[in-house]
């Protein structure tokens, strides 16, 4: 069976999965929005609006207003792959968000997650 390209998938389908992952561990939607805003430059209002649209996950990242320059400080493994070693810049950004939500779910402080 061919693997579905995550960049083609709907942002409206994937983003709630990230929120759900964090909420299962006692974190909030606001915190997921905060780390997403930090990474992408979107406001929480933008995120909520885009969640109601048919934008793809790839286009969400391609259209990000301001990728945070400190995202290069995000390191570690996601799905067994080191995020800092991912060649494709779009895939790396997608995995950065996965990693940030992982850190939220693991109980890290917002200050640590936002690389302050």
PDB file of N, CA and C in Angstrom:
ATOM      1  N   UNK A   1       0.850  -1.191   0.000  1.00  0.00           N
ATOM      2  CA  UNK A   1       0.000   0.000   0.000  1.00  0.00           C
ATOM      3  C   UNK A   1       0.891   1.248   0.000  1.00  0.00           C
ATOM      4  N   UNK A   2       0.654   2.201  -0.885  1.00  0.00           N
ATOM      5  CA  UNK A   2       1.508   3.400  -0.911  1.00  0.00           C
ATOM      6  C   UNK A   2       1.312   4.251   0.344  1.00  0.00           C
ATOM      7  N   UNK A   3       2.410   4.809   0.799  1.00  0.00           N
ATOM      8  CA  UNK A   3       2.352   5.664   1.984  1.00  0.00           C
ATOM      9  C   UNK A   3       1.793   7.014   1.595  1.00  0.00           C
ATOM     10  N   UNK A   4       0.859   7.512   2.371  1.00  0.00           N
ATOM     11  CA  UNK A   4       0.297   8.824   2.084  1.00  0.00           C
ATOM     12  C   UNK A   4       1.319   9.887   2.468  1.00  0.00           C
ATOM     13  N   UNK A   5       1.525  10.821   1.565  1.00  0.00           N
ATOM     14  CA  UNK A   5       2.449  11.915   1.828  1.00  0.00           C
ATOM     15  C   UNK A   5       1.783  12.879   2.817  1.00  0.00           C
ATOM     16  N   UNK A   6       2.404  13.037   3.968  1.00  0.00           N
ATOM     17  CA  UNK A   6       1.834  13.880   5.022  1.00  0.00           C
ATOM     18  C   UNK A   6       1.622  15.318   4.532  1.00  0.00           C
ATOM     19  N   UNK A   7       2.434  15.773   3.591  1.00  0.00           N
ATOM     20  CA  UNK A   7       2.290  17.158   3.107  1.00  0.00           C
ATOM     21  C   UNK A   7       0.994  17.342   2.328  1.00  0.00           C
ATOM     22  N   UNK A   8       0.447  16.257   1.781  1.00  0.00           N
ATOM     23  CA  UNK A   8      -0.811  16.322   1.018  1.00  0.00           C
ATOM     24  C   UNK A   8      -2.033  16.211   1.913  1.00  0.00           C
ATOM     25  N   UNK A   9      -1.824  15.761   3.128  1.00  0.00           N
ATOM     26  CA  UNK A   9      -2.957  15.550   4.034  1.00  0.00           C
ATOM     27  C   UNK A   9      -3.533  16.880   4.505  1.00  0.00           C
ATOM     28  N   UNK A  10      -4.754  16.818   4.966  1.00  0.00           N
ATOM     29  CA  UNK A  10      -5.473  18.010   5.385  1.00  0.00           C
ATOM     30  C   UNK A  10      -4.988  18.509   6.749  1.00  0.00           C
ATOM     31  N   UNK A  11      -4.685  19.799   6.819  1.00  0.00           N
ATOM     32  CA  UNK A  11      -4.319  20.414   8.105  1.00  0.00           C
ATOM     33  C   UNK A  11      -5.457  20.213   9.104  1.00  0.00           C
ATOM     34  N   UNK A  12      -6.707  20.329   8.631  1.00  0.00           N
ATOM     35  CA  UNK A  12      -7.883  20.183   9.497  1.00  0.00           C
ATOM     36  C   UNK A  12      -7.978  18.779  10.107  1.00  0.00           C
ATOM     37  N   UNK A  13      -7.389  17.784   9.456  1.00  0.00           N
ATOM     38  CA  UNK A  13      -7.389  16.421  10.005  1.00  0.00           C
ATOM     39  C   UNK A  13      -6.200  16.188  10.943  1.00  0.00           C
ATOM     40  N   UNK A  14      -5.043  16.744  10.589  1.00  0.00           N
ATOM     41  CA  UNK A  14      -3.821  16.460  11.354  1.00  0.00           C
ATOM     42  C   UNK A  14      -3.674  17.303  12.623  1.00  0.00           C
ATOM     43  N   UNK A  15      -4.028  18.583  12.545  1.00  0.00           N
ATOM     44  CA  UNK A  15      -3.802  19.455  13.705  1.00  0.00           C
ATOM     45  C   UNK A  15      -4.551  18.968  14.955  1.00  0.00           C
ATOM     46  N   UNK A  16      -5.826  18.542  14.813  1.00  0.00           N
ATOM     47  CA  UNK A  16      -6.516  18.035  16.010  1.00  0.00           C
ATOM     48  C   UNK A  16      -5.828  16.816  16.630  1.00  0.00           C
ATOM     49  N   UNK A  17      -5.095  16.049  15.833  1.00  0.00           N
ATOM     50  CA  UNK A  17      -4.359  14.903  16.378  1.00  0.00           C
ATOM     51  C   UNK A  17      -3.231  15.385  17.298  1.00  0.00           C
ATOM     52  N   UNK A  18      -2.578  16.482  16.906  1.00  0.00           N
ATOM     53  CA  UNK A  18      -1.525  17.056  17.756  1.00  0.00           C
ATOM     54  C   UNK A  18      -2.125  17.580  19.059  1.00  0.00           C
ATOM     55  N   UNK A  19      -3.256  18.277  18.922  1.00  0.00           N
ATOM     56  CA  UNK A  19      -3.943  18.825  20.108  1.00  0.00           C
ATOM     57  C   UNK A  19      -4.352  17.680  21.036  1.00  0.00           C
ATOM     58  N   UNK A  20      -4.912  16.638  20.452  1.00  0.00           N
ATOM     59  CA  UNK A  20      -5.370  15.485  21.221  1.00  0.00           C
ATOM     60  C   UNK A  20      -4.212  14.824  21.970  1.00  0.00           C
ATOM     61  N   UNK A  21      -3.087  14.683  21.295  1.00  0.00           N
ATOM     62  CA  UNK A  21      -1.905  14.078  21.913  1.00  0.00           C
ATOM     63  C   UNK A  21      -1.492  14.862  23.162  1.00  0.00           C
ATOM     64  N   UNK A  22      -1.481  16.182  23.046  1.00  0.00           N
ATOM     65  CA  UNK A  22      -1.096  17.034  24.178  1.00  0.00           C
ATOM     66  C   UNK A  22      -2.154  16.980  25.286  1.00  0.00           C
ATOM     67  N   UNK A  23      -3.432  17.037  24.895  1.00  0.00           N
ATOM     68  CA  UNK A  23      -4.506  17.045  25.894  1.00  0.00           C
ATOM     69  C   UNK A  23      -4.556  15.748  26.691  1.00  0.00           C
ATOM     70  N   UNK A  24      -4.208  14.626  26.048  1.00  0.00           N
ATOM     71  CA  UNK A  24      -4.177  13.335  26.753  1.00  0.00           C
ATOM     72  C   UNK A  24      -3.172  13.366  27.883  1.00  0.00           C
ATOM     73  N   UNK A  25      -2.156  14.212  27.760  1.00  0.00           N
ATOM     74  CA  UNK A  25      -1.108  14.317  28.776  1.00  0.00           C
ATOM     75  C   UNK A  25      -1.305  15.532  29.678  1.00  0.00           C
ATOM     76  N   UNK A  26      -2.515  16.112  29.647  1.00  0.00           N
ATOM     77  CA  UNK A  26      -2.826  17.209  30.565  1.00  0.00           C
ATOM     78  C   UNK A  26      -2.433  18.592  30.084  1.00  0.00           C
ATOM     79  N   UNK A  27      -2.023  18.717  28.820  1.00  0.00           N
ATOM     80  CA  UNK A  27      -1.705  20.038  28.277  1.00  0.00           C
ATOM     81  C   UNK A  27      -2.945  20.578  27.564  1.00  0.00           C
ATOM     82  N   UNK A  28      -2.869  21.796  27.059  1.00  0.00           N
ATOM     83  CA  UNK A  28      -4.063  22.423  26.491  1.00  0.00           C
ATOM     84  C   UNK A  28      -3.910  22.752  25.012  1.00  0.00           C
ATOM     85  N   UNK A  29      -5.031  22.960  24.385  1.00  0.00           N
ATOM     86  CA  UNK A  29      -5.065  23.417  22.988  1.00  0.00           C
ATOM     87  C   UNK A  29      -4.282  24.737  22.870  1.00  0.00           C
ATOM     88  N   UNK A  30      -4.449  25.632  23.862  1.00  0.00           N
ATOM     89  CA  UNK A  30      -3.755  26.920  23.837  1.00  0.00           C
ATOM     90  C   UNK A  30      -2.242  26.724  23.804  1.00  0.00           C
ATOM     91  N   UNK A  31      -1.759  25.725  24.526  1.00  0.00           N
ATOM     92  CA  UNK A  31      -0.318  25.466  24.534  1.00  0.00           C
ATOM     93  C   UNK A  31       0.151  24.931  23.178  1.00  0.00           C
ATOM     94  N   UNK A  32      -0.654  24.078  22.559  1.00  0.00           N
ATOM     95  CA  UNK A  32      -0.305  23.572  21.226  1.00  0.00           C
ATOM     96  C   UNK A  32      -0.302  24.746  20.236  1.00  0.00           C
ATOM     97  N   UNK A  33      -1.319  25.605  20.328  1.00  0.00           N
ATOM     98  CA  UNK A  33      -1.365  26.800  19.465  1.00  0.00           C
ATOM     99  C   UNK A  33      -0.143  27.683  19.707  1.00  0.00           C
ATOM    100  N   UNK A  34       0.262  27.803  20.976  1.00  0.00           N
ATOM    101  CA  UNK A  34       1.411  28.653  21.314  1.00  0.00           C
ATOM    102  C   UNK A  34       2.701  28.121  20.688  1.00  0.00           C
ATOM    103  N   UNK A  35       2.942  26.809  20.774  1.00  0.00           N
ATOM    104  CA  UNK A  35       4.175  26.280  20.184  1.00  0.00           C
ATOM    105  C   UNK A  35       4.100  26.333  18.654  1.00  0.00           C
ATOM    106  N   UNK A  36       2.906  26.136  18.106  1.00  0.00           N
ATOM    107  CA  UNK A  36       2.727  26.222  16.653  1.00  0.00           C
ATOM    108  C   UNK A  36       2.972  27.656  16.180  1.00  0.00           C
ATOM    109  N   UNK A  37       2.452  28.623  16.921  1.00  0.00           N
ATOM    110  CA  UNK A  37       2.659  30.040  16.592  1.00  0.00           C
ATOM    111  C   UNK A  37       4.142  30.403  16.691  1.00  0.00           C
ATOM    112  N   UNK A  38       4.810  29.896  17.728  1.00  0.00           N
ATOM    113  CA  UNK A  38       6.251  30.165  17.908  1.00  0.00           C
ATOM    114  C   UNK A  38       7.029  29.652  16.705  1.00  0.00           C
ATOM    115  N   UNK A  39       6.701  28.442  16.241  1.00  0.00           N
ATOM    116  CA  UNK A  39       7.429  27.834  15.136  1.00  0.00           C
ATOM    117  C   UNK A  39       7.128  28.506  13.803  1.00  0.00           C
ATOM    118  N   UNK A  40       5.859  28.849  13.572  1.00  0.00           N
ATOM    119  CA  UNK A  40       5.422  29.243  12.222  1.00  0.00           C
ATOM    120  C   UNK A  40       5.168  30.729  12.017  1.00  0.00           C
ATOM    121  N   UNK A  41       4.903  31.445  13.107  1.00  0.00           N
ATOM    122  CA  UNK A  41       4.542  32.858  12.952  1.00  0.00           C
ATOM    123  C   UNK A  41       3.044  33.087  12.757  1.00  0.00           C
ATOM    124  N   UNK A  42       2.274  32.006  12.648  1.00  0.00           N
ATOM    125  CA  UNK A  42       0.816  32.164  12.595  1.00  0.00           C
ATOM    126  C   UNK A  42       0.316  32.573  13.977  1.00  0.00           C
ATOM    127  N   UNK A  43      -0.779  33.309  14.040  1.00  0.00           N
ATOM    128  CA  UNK A  43      -1.419  33.602  15.320  1.00  0.00           C
ATOM    129  C   UNK A  43      -2.382  32.456  15.641  1.00  0.00           C
ATOM    130  N   UNK A  44      -2.779  32.329  16.914  1.00  0.00           N
ATOM    131  CA  UNK A  44      -3.786  31.307  17.241  1.00  0.00           C
ATOM    132  C   UNK A  44      -5.069  31.492  16.412  1.00  0.00           C
ATOM    133  N   UNK A  45      -5.412  32.745  16.090  1.00  0.00           N
ATOM    134  CA  UNK A  45      -6.600  33.010  15.262  1.00  0.00           C
ATOM    135  C   UNK A  45      -6.389  32.473  13.846  1.00  0.00           C
ATOM    136  N   UNK A  46      -5.169  32.678  13.313  1.00  0.00           N
ATOM    137  CA  UNK A  46      -4.844  32.134  11.975  1.00  0.00           C
ATOM    138  C   UNK A  46      -5.001  30.613  11.990  1.00  0.00           C
ATOM    139  N   UNK A  47      -4.454  30.000  13.033  1.00  0.00           N
ATOM    140  CA  UNK A  47      -4.483  28.539  13.134  1.00  0.00           C
ATOM    141  C   UNK A  47      -5.924  28.041  13.157  1.00  0.00           C
ATOM    142  N   UNK A  48      -6.763  28.690  13.980  1.00  0.00           N
ATOM    143  CA  UNK A  48      -8.179  28.291  14.072  1.00  0.00           C
ATOM    144  C   UNK A  48      -8.874  28.451  12.715  1.00  0.00           C
ATOM    145  N   UNK A  49      -8.556  29.545  12.007  1.00  0.00           N
ATOM    146  CA  UNK A  49      -9.168  29.799  10.689  1.00  0.00           C
ATOM    147  C   UNK A  49      -8.706  28.741   9.680  1.00  0.00           C
ATOM    148  N   UNK A  50      -7.405  28.446   9.687  1.00  0.00           N
ATOM    149  CA  UNK A  50      -6.861  27.461   8.745  1.00  0.00           C
ATOM    150  C   UNK A  50      -7.391  26.054   9.034  1.00  0.00           C
ATOM    151  N   UNK A  51      -7.722  25.805  10.294  1.00  0.00           N
ATOM    152  CA  UNK A  51      -8.276  24.503  10.666  1.00  0.00           C
ATOM    153  C   UNK A  51      -9.675  24.316  10.070  1.00  0.00           C
ATOM    154  N   UNK A  52     -10.322  25.418   9.739  1.00  0.00           N
ATOM    155  CA  UNK A  52     -11.663  25.363   9.118  1.00  0.00           C
ATOM    156  C   UNK A  52     -11.573  25.381   7.593  1.00  0.00           C
ATOM    157  N   UNK A  53     -10.367  25.472   7.061  1.00  0.00           N
ATOM    158  CA  UNK A  53     -10.185  25.562   5.608  1.00  0.00           C
ATOM    159  C   UNK A  53      -9.775  24.196   5.060  1.00  0.00           C
ATOM    160  N   UNK A  54      -9.513  24.146   3.753  1.00  0.00           N
ATOM    161  CA  UNK A  54      -9.084  22.872   3.170  1.00  0.00           C
ATOM    162  C   UNK A  54      -7.588  22.884   2.833  1.00  0.00           C
ATOM    163  N   UNK A  55      -6.831  23.726   3.540  1.00  0.00           N
ATOM    164  CA  UNK A  55      -5.383  23.818   3.300  1.00  0.00           C
ATOM    165  C   UNK A  55      -4.709  22.482   3.639  1.00  0.00           C
ATOM    166  N   UNK A  56      -3.712  22.143   2.835  1.00  0.00           N
ATOM    167  CA  UNK A  56      -2.955  20.914   3.112  1.00  0.00           C
ATOM    168  C   UNK A  56      -1.917  21.205   4.203  1.00  0.00           C
ATOM    169  N   UNK A  57      -1.433  20.129   4.822  1.00  0.00           N
ATOM    170  CA  UNK A  57      -0.420  20.280   5.878  1.00  0.00           C
ATOM    171  C   UNK A  57       0.842  20.911   5.301  1.00  0.00           C
ATOM    172  N   UNK A  58       1.215  20.484   4.095  1.00  0.00           N
ATOM    173  CA  UNK A  58       2.389  21.057   3.443  1.00  0.00           C
ATOM    174  C   UNK A  58       2.226  22.547   3.183  1.00  0.00           C
ATOM    175  N   UNK A  59       1.050  22.942   2.673  1.00  0.00           N
ATOM    176  CA  UNK A  59       0.817  24.359   2.384  1.00  0.00           C
ATOM    177  C   UNK A  59       0.748  25.200   3.660  1.00  0.00           C
ATOM    178  N   UNK A  60       0.298  24.593   4.754  1.00  0.00           N
ATOM    179  CA  UNK A  60       0.307  25.295   6.039  1.00  0.00           C
ATOM    180  C   UNK A  60       1.740  25.716   6.370  1.00  0.00           C
ATOM    181  N   UNK A  61       2.684  24.804   6.202  1.00  0.00           N
ATOM    182  CA  UNK A  61       4.087  25.121   6.502  1.00  0.00           C
ATOM    183  C   UNK A  61       4.724  25.980   5.418  1.00  0.00           C
ATOM    184  N   UNK A  62       4.390  25.723   4.148  1.00  0.00           N
ATOM    185  CA  UNK A  62       4.947  26.548   3.060  1.00  0.00           C
ATOM    186  C   UNK A  62       4.518  27.998   3.203  1.00  0.00           C
ATOM    187  N   UNK A  63       3.296  28.220   3.695  1.00  0.00           N
ATOM    188  CA  UNK A  63       2.749  29.574   3.813  1.00  0.00           C
ATOM    189  C   UNK A  63       3.004  30.235   5.151  1.00  0.00           C
ATOM    190  N   UNK A  64       3.790  29.579   6.001  1.00  0.00           N
ATOM    191  CA  UNK A  64       4.040  30.131   7.347  1.00  0.00           C
ATOM    192  C   UNK A  64       4.626  31.535   7.257  1.00  0.00           C
ATOM    193  N   UNK A  65       4.032  32.484   7.997  1.00  0.00           N
ATOM    194  CA  UNK A  65       4.486  33.876   7.925  1.00  0.00           C
ATOM    195  C   UNK A  65       5.938  34.087   8.349  1.00  0.00           C
ATOM    196  N   UNK A  66       6.402  33.331   9.355  1.00  0.00           N
ATOM    197  CA  UNK A  66       7.752  33.572   9.875  1.00  0.00           C
ATOM    198  C   UNK A  66       8.239  32.344  10.634  1.00  0.00           C
ATOM    199  N   UNK A  67       8.985  31.476   9.945  1.00  0.00           N
ATOM    200  CA  UNK A  67       9.559  30.325  10.649  1.00  0.00           C
ATOM    201  C   UNK A  67      10.584  30.861  11.652  1.00  0.00           C
ATOM    202  N   UNK A  68      10.450  30.434  12.895  1.00  0.00           N
ATOM    203  CA  UNK A  68      11.314  30.932  13.959  1.00  0.00           C
ATOM    204  C   UNK A  68      12.763  30.506  13.702  1.00  0.00           C
ATOM    205  N   UNK A  69      13.686  31.479  13.684  1.00  0.00           N
ATOM    206  CA  UNK A  69      15.089  31.131  13.439  1.00  0.00           C
ATOM    207  C   UNK A  69      15.659  30.199  14.520  1.00  0.00           C
ATOM    208  N   UNK A  70      15.066  30.208  15.711  1.00  0.00           N
ATOM    209  CA  UNK A  70      15.535  29.323  16.779  1.00  0.00           C
ATOM    210  C   UNK A  70      15.072  27.886  16.606  1.00  0.00           C
ATOM    211  N   UNK A  71      14.311  27.616  15.540  1.00  0.00           N
ATOM    212  CA  UNK A  71      13.869  26.231  15.334  1.00  0.00           C
ATOM    213  C   UNK A  71      15.065  25.316  15.092  1.00  0.00           C
ATOM    214  N   UNK A  72      16.182  25.877  14.675  1.00  0.00           N
ATOM    215  CA  UNK A  72      17.400  25.067  14.487  1.00  0.00           C
ATOM    216  C   UNK A  72      17.884  24.485  15.814  1.00  0.00           C
ATOM    217  N   UNK A  73      17.391  25.030  16.933  1.00  0.00           N
ATOM    218  CA  UNK A  73      17.773  24.519  18.253  1.00  0.00           C
ATOM    219  C   UNK A  73      16.966  23.273  18.629  1.00  0.00           C
ATOM    220  N   UNK A  74      15.948  22.944  17.827  1.00  0.00           N
ATOM    221  CA  UNK A  74      15.135  21.759  18.101  1.00  0.00           C
ATOM    222  C   UNK A  74      15.906  20.539  17.604  1.00  0.00           C
ATOM    223  N   UNK A  75      16.239  19.657  18.540  1.00  0.00           N
ATOM    224  CA  UNK A  75      16.985  18.456  18.174  1.00  0.00           C
ATOM    225  C   UNK A  75      16.351  17.256  18.855  1.00  0.00           C
ATOM    226  N   UNK A  76      16.764  16.102  18.429  1.00  0.00           N
ATOM    227  CA  UNK A  76      16.262  14.875  19.035  1.00  0.00           C
ATOM    228  C   UNK A  76      15.544  14.026  18.012  1.00  0.00           C
ATOM    229  N   UNK A  77      15.010  12.902  18.485  1.00  0.00           N
ATOM    230  CA  UNK A  77      14.397  11.945  17.571  1.00  0.00           C
ATOM    231  C   UNK A  77      12.878  12.047  17.584  1.00  0.00           C
ATOM    232  N   UNK A  78      12.319  11.881  16.409  1.00  0.00           N
ATOM    233  CA  UNK A  78      10.871  11.742  16.261  1.00  0.00           C
ATOM    234  C   UNK A  78      10.686  10.574  15.295  1.00  0.00           C
ATOM    235  N   UNK A  79       9.918   9.598  15.679  1.00  0.00           N
ATOM    236  CA  UNK A  79       9.735   8.378  14.872  1.00  0.00           C
ATOM    237  C   UNK A  79      11.093   7.741  14.526  1.00  0.00           C
ATOM    238  N   UNK A  80      12.039   7.802  15.456  1.00  0.00           N
ATOM    239  CA  UNK A  80      13.334   7.172  15.256  1.00  0.00           C
ATOM    240  C   UNK A  80      14.305   7.929  14.364  1.00  0.00           C
ATOM    241  N   UNK A  81      13.906   9.113  13.912  1.00  0.00           N
ATOM    242  CA  UNK A  81      14.753   9.906  13.007  1.00  0.00           C
ATOM    243  C   UNK A  81      15.144  11.202  13.707  1.00  0.00           C
ATOM    244  N   UNK A  82      16.419  11.566  13.620  1.00  0.00           N
ATOM    245  CA  UNK A  82      16.878  12.819  14.226  1.00  0.00           C
ATOM    246  C   UNK A  82      16.348  13.987  13.390  1.00  0.00           C
ATOM    247  N   UNK A  83      15.570  14.872  14.023  1.00  0.00           N
ATOM    248  CA  UNK A  83      14.948  15.971  13.271  1.00  0.00           C
ATOM    249  C   UNK A  83      15.973  16.881  12.617  1.00  0.00           C
ATOM    250  N   UNK A  84      17.102  17.079  13.300  1.00  0.00           N
ATOM    251  CA  UNK A  84      18.112  17.991  12.754  1.00  0.00           C
ATOM    252  C   UNK A  84      18.808  17.420  11.517  1.00  0.00           C
ATOM    253  N   UNK A  85      18.611  16.122  11.251  1.00  0.00           N
ATOM    254  CA  UNK A  85      19.263  15.501  10.094  1.00  0.00           C
ATOM    255  C   UNK A  85      18.326  15.321   8.897  1.00  0.00           C
ATOM    256  N   UNK A  86      17.083  15.752   9.024  1.00  0.00           N
ATOM    257  CA  UNK A  86      16.129  15.613   7.915  1.00  0.00           C
ATOM    258  C   UNK A  86      16.520  16.590   6.817  1.00  0.00           C
ATOM    259  N   UNK A  87      16.771  16.055   5.620  1.00  0.00           N
ATOM    260  CA  UNK A  87      17.260  16.867   4.490  1.00  0.00           C
ATOM    261  C   UNK A  87      16.222  17.863   3.974  1.00  0.00           C
ATOM    262  N   UNK A  88      15.004  17.375   3.725  1.00  0.00           N
ATOM    263  CA  UNK A  88      13.951  18.198   3.134  1.00  0.00           C
ATOM    264  C   UNK A  88      13.482  19.257   4.139  1.00  0.00           C
ATOM    265  N   UNK A  89      13.664  20.547   3.814  1.00  0.00           N
ATOM    266  CA  UNK A  89      13.299  21.611   4.763  1.00  0.00           C
ATOM    267  C   UNK A  89      11.818  21.576   5.173  1.00  0.00           C
ATOM    268  N   UNK A  90      10.933  21.233   4.251  1.00  0.00           N
ATOM    269  CA  UNK A  90       9.506  21.171   4.572  1.00  0.00           C
ATOM    270  C   UNK A  90       9.244  20.046   5.574  1.00  0.00           C
ATOM    271  N   UNK A  91       9.808  18.880   5.319  1.00  0.00           N
ATOM    272  CA  UNK A  91       9.628  17.738   6.221  1.00  0.00           C
ATOM    273  C   UNK A  91      10.246  18.037   7.586  1.00  0.00           C
ATOM    274  N   UNK A  92      11.377  18.725   7.587  1.00  0.00           N
ATOM    275  CA  UNK A  92      12.032  19.074   8.851  1.00  0.00           C
ATOM    276  C   UNK A  92      11.110  19.966   9.680  1.00  0.00           C
ATOM    277  N   UNK A  93      10.465  20.944   9.046  1.00  0.00           N
ATOM    278  CA  UNK A  93       9.540  21.839   9.776  1.00  0.00           C
ATOM    279  C   UNK A  93       8.357  21.067  10.337  1.00  0.00           C
ATOM    280  N   UNK A  94       7.835  20.143   9.541  1.00  0.00           N
ATOM    281  CA  UNK A  94       6.711  19.316  10.002  1.00  0.00           C
ATOM    282  C   UNK A  94       7.140  18.519  11.228  1.00  0.00           C
ATOM    283  N   UNK A  95       8.316  17.939  11.174  1.00  0.00           N
ATOM    284  CA  UNK A  95       8.824  17.146  12.300  1.00  0.00           C
ATOM    285  C   UNK A  95       9.183  18.019  13.500  1.00  0.00           C
ATOM    286  N   UNK A  96       9.610  19.268  13.240  1.00  0.00           N
ATOM    287  CA  UNK A  96       9.854  20.193  14.359  1.00  0.00           C
ATOM    288  C   UNK A  96       8.573  20.345  15.178  1.00  0.00           C
ATOM    289  N   UNK A  97       7.443  20.540  14.489  1.00  0.00           N
ATOM    290  CA  UNK A  97       6.183  20.713  15.219  1.00  0.00           C
ATOM    291  C   UNK A  97       5.842  19.434  15.984  1.00  0.00           C
ATOM    292  N   UNK A  98       6.054  18.281  15.361  1.00  0.00           N
ATOM    293  CA  UNK A  98       5.824  17.014  16.071  1.00  0.00           C
ATOM    294  C   UNK A  98       6.667  16.961  17.345  1.00  0.00           C
ATOM    295  N   UNK A  99       7.913  17.368  17.216  1.00  0.00           N
ATOM    296  CA  UNK A  99       8.843  17.326  18.352  1.00  0.00           C
ATOM    297  C   UNK A  99       8.399  18.281  19.460  1.00  0.00           C
ATOM    298  N   UNK A 100       7.957  19.480  19.084  1.00  0.00           N
ATOM    299  CA  UNK A 100       7.493  20.453  20.084  1.00  0.00           C
ATOM    300  C   UNK A 100       6.279  19.913  20.847  1.00  0.00           C
ATOM    301  N   UNK A 101       5.346  19.307  20.119  1.00  0.00           N
ATOM    302  CA  UNK A 101       4.156  18.741  20.759  1.00  0.00           C
ATOM    303  C   UNK A 101       4.550  17.551  21.635  1.00  0.00           C
ATOM    304  N   UNK A 102       5.523  16.762  21.185  1.00  0.00           N
ATOM    305  CA  UNK A 102       6.062  15.674  22.006  1.00  0.00           C
ATOM    306  C   UNK A 102       6.596  16.212  23.333  1.00  0.00           C
ATOM    307  N   UNK A 103       7.364  17.275  23.245  1.00  0.00           N
ATOM    308  CA  UNK A 103       7.944  17.875  24.449  1.00  0.00           C
ATOM    309  C   UNK A 103       6.851  18.389  25.378  1.00  0.00           C
ATOM    310  N   UNK A 104       5.802  18.986  24.808  1.00  0.00           N
ATOM    311  CA  UNK A 104       4.653  19.421  25.613  1.00  0.00           C
ATOM    312  C   UNK A 104       4.061  18.219  26.341  1.00  0.00           C
ATOM    313  N   UNK A 105       3.804  17.158  25.578  1.00  0.00           N
ATOM    314  CA  UNK A 105       3.178  15.961  26.133  1.00  0.00           C
ATOM    315  C   UNK A 105       4.046  15.320  27.218  1.00  0.00           C
ATOM    316  N   UNK A 106       5.364  15.500  27.102  1.00  0.00           N
ATOM    317  CA  UNK A 106       6.269  14.923  28.098  1.00  0.00           C
ATOM    318  C   UNK A 106       6.415  15.817  29.327  1.00  0.00           C
ATOM    319  N   UNK A 107       5.704  16.938  29.342  1.00  0.00           N
ATOM    320  CA  UNK A 107       5.681  17.778  30.533  1.00  0.00           C
ATOM    321  C   UNK A 107       6.769  18.830  30.623  1.00  0.00           C
ATOM    322  N   UNK A 108       7.492  19.064  29.529  1.00  0.00           N
ATOM    323  CA  UNK A 108       8.517  20.117  29.572  1.00  0.00           C
ATOM    324  C   UNK A 108       7.861  21.477  29.771  1.00  0.00           C
ATOM    325  N   UNK A 109       8.603  22.401  30.366  1.00  0.00           N
ATOM    326  CA  UNK A 109       8.070  23.745  30.567  1.00  0.00           C
ATOM    327  C   UNK A 109       8.041  24.479  29.227  1.00  0.00           C
ATOM    328  N   UNK A 110       7.118  25.432  29.124  1.00  0.00           N
ATOM    329  CA  UNK A 110       6.988  26.206  27.892  1.00  0.00           C
ATOM    330  C   UNK A 110       8.300  26.933  27.588  1.00  0.00           C
ATOM    331  N   UNK A 111       8.992  27.384  28.626  1.00  0.00           N
ATOM    332  CA  UNK A 111      10.270  28.068  28.441  1.00  0.00           C
ATOM    333  C   UNK A 111      11.291  27.149  27.769  1.00  0.00           C
ATOM    334  N   UNK A 112      11.365  25.898  28.202  1.00  0.00           N
ATOM    335  CA  UNK A 112      12.271  24.924  27.586  1.00  0.00           C
ATOM    336  C   UNK A 112      11.865  24.653  26.140  1.00  0.00           C
ATOM    337  N   UNK A 113      10.567  24.441  25.939  1.00  0.00           N
ATOM    338  CA  UNK A 113      10.069  24.103  24.602  1.00  0.00           C
ATOM    339  C   UNK A 113      10.343  25.224  23.608  1.00  0.00           C
ATOM    340  N   UNK A 114      10.153  26.468  24.041  1.00  0.00           N
ATOM    341  CA  UNK A 114      10.343  27.612  23.151  1.00  0.00           C
ATOM    342  C   UNK A 114      11.799  28.080  23.101  1.00  0.00           C
ATOM    343  N   UNK A 115      12.689  27.241  23.616  1.00  0.00           N
ATOM    344  CA  UNK A 115      14.128  27.469  23.499  1.00  0.00           C
ATOM    345  C   UNK A 115      14.550  28.847  24.015  1.00  0.00           C
ATOM    346  N   UNK A 116      14.052  29.205  25.221  1.00  0.00           N
ATOM    347  CA  UNK A 116      14.384  30.523  25.794  1.00  0.00           C
ATOM    348  C   UNK A 116      15.608  30.441  26.686  1.00  0.00           C
TER     349      UNK A 116
END
